[in-house]
Amino acid sequence: MFGNLGDMSKMLEGMQENAKKLQAELESKTFNVKSGGGLVEVVINGKGEVVDINIDDSLLSDKDSLQILLIGAINDAYKMVEDNRQNSALGMLGGINPFGSK
């Protein structure tokens, strides 16, 4: 049914190696998201870790606006990381979507 078990083992090893390369590539990427017309900027890496936040001085006296813009920017950044992971995983599968077509 699967042919030679040695060939299957080599194929699985290759897939594991590709998955490790993909993970390293994802982790090395960074994503910049701006909110409030650039008043808040969040930089997040491919692991989903926030690595930098820049806040315009004009927001320092407006706590409510700062919180809203910061939450929005962080949520957008996480979405970018997740979308990138999904697209990269689908690319590794050769564009085949195992969950059916959209």
N, C-alpha and C. Protein backbone atom coordinates (compact mmCIF):
# COMPACT_ATOMS: atom_id res chain seq x y z
N MET A 1 0.83 -1.19 0.00
CA MET A 1 0.00 0.00 0.00
C MET A 1 0.88 1.26 0.00
N PHE A 2 1.87 1.33 0.89
CA PHE A 2 2.75 2.49 0.96
C PHE A 2 4.07 2.27 0.24
N GLY A 3 4.26 1.09 -0.31
CA GLY A 3 5.53 0.80 -0.95
C GLY A 3 6.57 0.43 0.09
N ASN A 4 7.77 0.76 -0.19
CA ASN A 4 8.90 0.43 0.67
C ASN A 4 8.86 1.27 1.94
N LEU A 5 8.97 0.61 3.11
CA LEU A 5 8.95 1.34 4.38
C LEU A 5 10.15 2.26 4.52
N GLY A 6 11.28 1.90 3.92
CA GLY A 6 12.46 2.76 3.95
C GLY A 6 12.20 4.07 3.23
N ASP A 7 11.49 3.98 2.09
CA ASP A 7 11.14 5.20 1.35
C ASP A 7 10.20 6.08 2.17
N MET A 8 9.28 5.45 2.85
CA MET A 8 8.34 6.19 3.69
C MET A 8 9.07 6.88 4.82
N SER A 9 10.03 6.19 5.42
CA SER A 9 10.82 6.76 6.51
C SER A 9 11.62 7.97 6.02
N LYS A 10 12.22 7.86 4.83
CA LYS A 10 12.98 8.98 4.26
C LYS A 10 12.06 10.17 3.99
N MET A 11 10.86 9.89 3.51
CA MET A 11 9.91 10.95 3.22
C MET A 11 9.52 11.68 4.52
N LEU A 12 9.28 10.92 5.59
CA LEU A 12 8.92 11.52 6.87
C LEU A 12 10.07 12.34 7.44
N GLU A 13 11.30 11.85 7.30
CA GLU A 13 12.47 12.60 7.75
C GLU A 13 12.58 13.91 6.99
N GLY A 14 12.35 13.87 5.70
CA GLY A 14 12.39 15.08 4.88
C GLY A 14 11.33 16.07 5.30
N MET A 15 10.15 15.58 5.62
CA MET A 15 9.07 16.46 6.06
C MET A 15 9.41 17.10 7.41
N GLN A 16 10.02 16.32 8.32
CA GLN A 16 10.41 16.86 9.61
C GLN A 16 11.48 17.94 9.45
N GLU A 17 12.43 17.70 8.56
CA GLU A 17 13.48 18.69 8.30
C GLU A 17 12.88 19.97 7.72
N ASN A 18 11.95 19.82 6.78
CA ASN A 18 11.28 20.99 6.20
C ASN A 18 10.49 21.75 7.26
N ALA A 19 9.85 21.03 8.17
CA ALA A 19 9.08 21.67 9.23
C ALA A 19 9.99 22.47 10.16
N LYS A 20 11.18 21.93 10.46
CA LYS A 20 12.13 22.65 11.31
C LYS A 20 12.63 23.91 10.61
N LYS A 21 12.91 23.81 9.31
CA LYS A 21 13.34 24.98 8.54
C LYS A 21 12.25 26.04 8.51
N LEU A 22 11.01 25.60 8.31
CA LEU A 22 9.87 26.51 8.28
C LEU A 22 9.72 27.22 9.62
N GLN A 23 9.85 26.47 10.71
CA GLN A 23 9.72 27.07 12.04
C GLN A 23 10.81 28.11 12.27
N ALA A 24 12.04 27.81 11.89
CA ALA A 24 13.14 28.77 12.05
C ALA A 24 12.90 30.01 11.20
N GLU A 25 12.39 29.81 9.99
CA GLU A 25 12.09 30.95 9.10
C GLU A 25 10.98 31.82 9.69
N LEU A 26 9.95 31.20 10.22
CA LEU A 26 8.85 31.94 10.82
C LEU A 26 9.34 32.76 12.02
N GLU A 27 10.19 32.13 12.84
CA GLU A 27 10.66 32.80 14.05
C GLU A 27 11.57 33.98 13.74
N SER A 28 12.21 33.99 12.57
CA SER A 28 13.13 35.07 12.24
C SER A 28 12.42 36.29 11.65
N LYS A 29 11.16 36.16 11.31
CA LYS A 29 10.42 37.27 10.72
C LYS A 29 9.93 38.23 11.81
N THR A 30 9.76 39.49 11.41
CA THR A 30 9.12 40.46 12.30
C THR A 30 7.99 41.14 11.54
N PHE A 31 7.00 41.58 12.29
CA PHE A 31 5.83 42.22 11.72
C PHE A 31 5.62 43.55 12.44
N ASN A 32 5.45 44.62 11.67
CA ASN A 32 5.20 45.95 12.23
C ASN A 32 3.75 46.30 12.00
N VAL A 33 3.09 46.75 13.04
CA VAL A 33 1.69 47.17 12.94
C VAL A 33 1.57 48.55 13.56
N LYS A 34 0.90 49.43 12.83
CA LYS A 34 0.65 50.78 13.34
C LYS A 34 -0.84 50.95 13.58
N SER A 35 -1.15 51.72 14.61
CA SER A 35 -2.53 51.97 14.99
C SER A 35 -2.68 53.47 15.24
N GLY A 36 -3.89 53.97 15.05
CA GLY A 36 -4.14 55.38 15.31
C GLY A 36 -3.37 56.30 14.39
N GLY A 37 -3.24 55.91 13.13
CA GLY A 37 -2.51 56.74 12.18
C GLY A 37 -1.03 56.81 12.48
N GLY A 38 -0.50 55.80 13.13
CA GLY A 38 0.93 55.77 13.44
C GLY A 38 1.27 56.24 14.84
N LEU A 39 0.27 56.55 15.65
CA LEU A 39 0.53 56.99 17.02
C LEU A 39 1.06 55.86 17.90
N VAL A 40 0.68 54.64 17.56
CA VAL A 40 1.17 53.45 18.28
C VAL A 40 1.72 52.48 17.24
N GLU A 41 2.91 51.96 17.49
CA GLU A 41 3.50 50.95 16.61
C GLU A 41 3.96 49.77 17.46
N VAL A 42 3.60 48.58 17.02
CA VAL A 42 3.98 47.35 17.71
C VAL A 42 4.78 46.50 16.73
N VAL A 43 5.91 45.96 17.21
CA VAL A 43 6.73 45.05 16.41
C VAL A 43 6.69 43.70 17.13
N ILE A 44 6.33 42.67 16.37
CA ILE A 44 6.18 41.32 16.93
C ILE A 44 6.96 40.36 16.05
N ASN A 45 7.56 39.34 16.66
CA ASN A 45 8.30 38.36 15.86
C ASN A 45 7.41 37.18 15.49
N GLY A 46 7.94 36.29 14.68
CA GLY A 46 7.18 35.15 14.19
C GLY A 46 6.78 34.16 15.27
N LYS A 47 7.38 34.26 16.45
CA LYS A 47 6.98 33.41 17.57
C LYS A 47 5.76 33.97 18.29
N GLY A 48 5.39 35.22 17.94
CA GLY A 48 4.28 35.86 18.61
C GLY A 48 4.71 36.67 19.83
N GLU A 49 6.02 36.98 19.91
CA GLU A 49 6.53 37.77 21.02
C GLU A 49 6.62 39.23 20.61
N VAL A 50 6.11 40.12 21.44
CA VAL A 50 6.23 41.55 21.19
C VAL A 50 7.68 41.93 21.48
N VAL A 51 8.35 42.52 20.47
CA VAL A 51 9.76 42.87 20.64
C VAL A 51 9.98 44.38 20.76
N ASP A 52 8.99 45.19 20.38
CA ASP A 52 9.14 46.62 20.51
C ASP A 52 7.76 47.29 20.45
N ILE A 53 7.63 48.38 21.18
CA ILE A 53 6.43 49.20 21.15
C ILE A 53 6.87 50.66 21.13
N ASN A 54 6.32 51.41 20.19
CA ASN A 54 6.59 52.85 20.12
C ASN A 54 5.26 53.59 20.30
N ILE A 55 5.27 54.55 21.21
CA ILE A 55 4.05 55.31 21.52
C ILE A 55 4.36 56.79 21.35
N ASP A 56 3.54 57.46 20.56
CA ASP A 56 3.69 58.90 20.37
C ASP A 56 3.45 59.62 21.70
N ASP A 57 4.27 60.61 21.97
CA ASP A 57 4.18 61.35 23.23
C ASP A 57 2.79 61.97 23.46
N SER A 58 2.09 62.29 22.39
CA SER A 58 0.77 62.92 22.54
C SER A 58 -0.24 62.01 23.22
N LEU A 59 0.00 60.71 23.22
CA LEU A 59 -0.93 59.77 23.85
C LEU A 59 -0.66 59.57 25.33
N LEU A 60 0.46 60.06 25.82
CA LEU A 60 0.82 59.80 27.21
C LEU A 60 -0.14 60.44 28.21
N SER A 61 -0.87 61.44 27.78
CA SER A 61 -1.83 62.09 28.68
C SER A 61 -3.26 61.60 28.44
N ASP A 62 -3.43 60.64 27.51
CA ASP A 62 -4.77 60.12 27.19
C ASP A 62 -4.75 58.60 27.33
N LYS A 63 -4.85 58.16 28.57
CA LYS A 63 -4.71 56.73 28.88
C LYS A 63 -5.73 55.87 28.14
N ASP A 64 -6.99 56.30 28.08
CA ASP A 64 -8.02 55.49 27.43
C ASP A 64 -7.71 55.26 25.95
N SER A 65 -7.35 56.32 25.24
CA SER A 65 -7.01 56.18 23.81
C SER A 65 -5.77 55.30 23.64
N LEU A 66 -4.79 55.50 24.50
CA LEU A 66 -3.57 54.69 24.42
C LEU A 66 -3.88 53.21 24.57
N GLN A 67 -4.71 52.88 25.54
CA GLN A 67 -5.06 51.47 25.77
C GLN A 67 -5.79 50.88 24.56
N ILE A 68 -6.74 51.62 24.02
CA ILE A 68 -7.51 51.13 22.87
C ILE A 68 -6.60 50.91 21.66
N LEU A 69 -5.74 51.88 21.37
CA LEU A 69 -4.84 51.77 20.22
C LEU A 69 -3.82 50.65 20.41
N LEU A 70 -3.33 50.49 21.61
CA LEU A 70 -2.34 49.45 21.90
C LEU A 70 -2.96 48.05 21.77
N ILE A 71 -4.15 47.89 22.30
CA ILE A 71 -4.84 46.60 22.19
C ILE A 71 -5.11 46.27 20.72
N GLY A 72 -5.57 47.25 19.97
CA GLY A 72 -5.84 47.03 18.54
C GLY A 72 -4.59 46.65 17.78
N ALA A 73 -3.49 47.34 18.04
CA ALA A 73 -2.24 47.05 17.34
C ALA A 73 -1.72 45.67 17.68
N ILE A 74 -1.77 45.29 18.95
CA ILE A 74 -1.28 43.97 19.36
C ILE A 74 -2.14 42.87 18.75
N ASN A 75 -3.45 43.03 18.77
CA ASN A 75 -4.34 42.03 18.16
C ASN A 75 -4.10 41.90 16.67
N ASP A 76 -3.92 43.02 15.97
CA ASP A 76 -3.62 42.97 14.54
C ASP A 76 -2.29 42.27 14.28
N ALA A 77 -1.30 42.53 15.13
CA ALA A 77 0.01 41.90 14.97
C ALA A 77 -0.08 40.39 15.14
N TYR A 78 -0.81 39.94 16.16
CA TYR A 78 -0.98 38.50 16.37
C TYR A 78 -1.69 37.85 15.18
N LYS A 79 -2.67 38.55 14.62
CA LYS A 79 -3.36 38.02 13.44
C LYS A 79 -2.41 37.88 12.27
N MET A 80 -1.52 38.84 12.09
CA MET A 80 -0.54 38.76 11.01
C MET A 80 0.37 37.55 11.19
N VAL A 81 0.81 37.30 12.42
CA VAL A 81 1.67 36.15 12.70
C VAL A 81 0.93 34.85 12.40
N GLU A 82 -0.31 34.74 12.83
CA GLU A 82 -1.08 33.52 12.60
C GLU A 82 -1.36 33.31 11.12
N ASP A 83 -1.72 34.37 10.40
CA ASP A 83 -1.94 34.25 8.96
C ASP A 83 -0.67 33.80 8.25
N ASN A 84 0.47 34.34 8.68
CA ASN A 84 1.75 33.95 8.08
C ASN A 84 2.05 32.47 8.34
N ARG A 85 1.78 32.02 9.55
CA ARG A 85 2.00 30.60 9.88
C ARG A 85 1.14 29.70 9.00
N GLN A 86 -0.13 30.06 8.86
CA GLN A 86 -1.03 29.24 8.05
C GLN A 86 -0.61 29.23 6.59
N ASN A 87 -0.27 30.39 6.05
CA ASN A 87 0.15 30.46 4.65
C ASN A 87 1.43 29.68 4.42
N SER A 88 2.36 29.76 5.35
CA SER A 88 3.62 29.03 5.22
C SER A 88 3.39 27.52 5.30
N ALA A 89 2.52 27.10 6.20
CA ALA A 89 2.22 25.68 6.33
C ALA A 89 1.55 25.15 5.07
N LEU A 90 0.61 25.91 4.51
CA LEU A 90 -0.05 25.49 3.28
C LEU A 90 0.95 25.45 2.13
N GLY A 91 1.89 26.40 2.11
CA GLY A 91 2.93 26.40 1.08
C GLY A 91 3.81 25.17 1.18
N MET A 92 4.09 24.74 2.42
CA MET A 92 4.91 23.55 2.62
C MET A 92 4.19 22.31 2.10
N LEU A 93 2.87 22.32 2.15
CA LEU A 93 2.08 21.19 1.65
C LEU A 93 1.89 21.26 0.13
N GLY A 94 2.50 22.25 -0.49
CA GLY A 94 2.37 22.39 -1.93
C GLY A 94 1.05 22.99 -2.35
N GLY A 95 0.44 23.76 -1.46
CA GLY A 95 -0.82 24.41 -1.80
C GLY A 95 -2.03 23.51 -1.62
N ILE A 96 -1.82 22.29 -1.15
CA ILE A 96 -2.93 21.39 -0.95
C ILE A 96 -3.56 21.70 0.40
N ASN A 97 -4.83 21.98 0.41
CA ASN A 97 -5.53 22.25 1.65
C ASN A 97 -6.20 20.95 2.11
N PRO A 98 -5.66 20.34 3.19
CA PRO A 98 -6.23 19.06 3.64
C PRO A 98 -7.62 19.20 4.26
N PHE A 99 -8.07 20.43 4.46
CA PHE A 99 -9.37 20.66 5.09
C PHE A 99 -10.45 20.97 4.06
N GLY A 100 -10.14 20.79 2.80
CA GLY A 100 -11.12 21.06 1.77
C GLY A 100 -10.93 22.44 1.17
N SER A 101 -11.66 22.74 0.14
CA SER A 101 -11.51 24.03 -0.52
C SER A 101 -12.32 25.08 0.21
N LYS A 102 -11.91 26.35 0.02
CA LYS A 102 -12.60 27.47 0.67
C LYS A 102 -13.84 27.81 -0.08
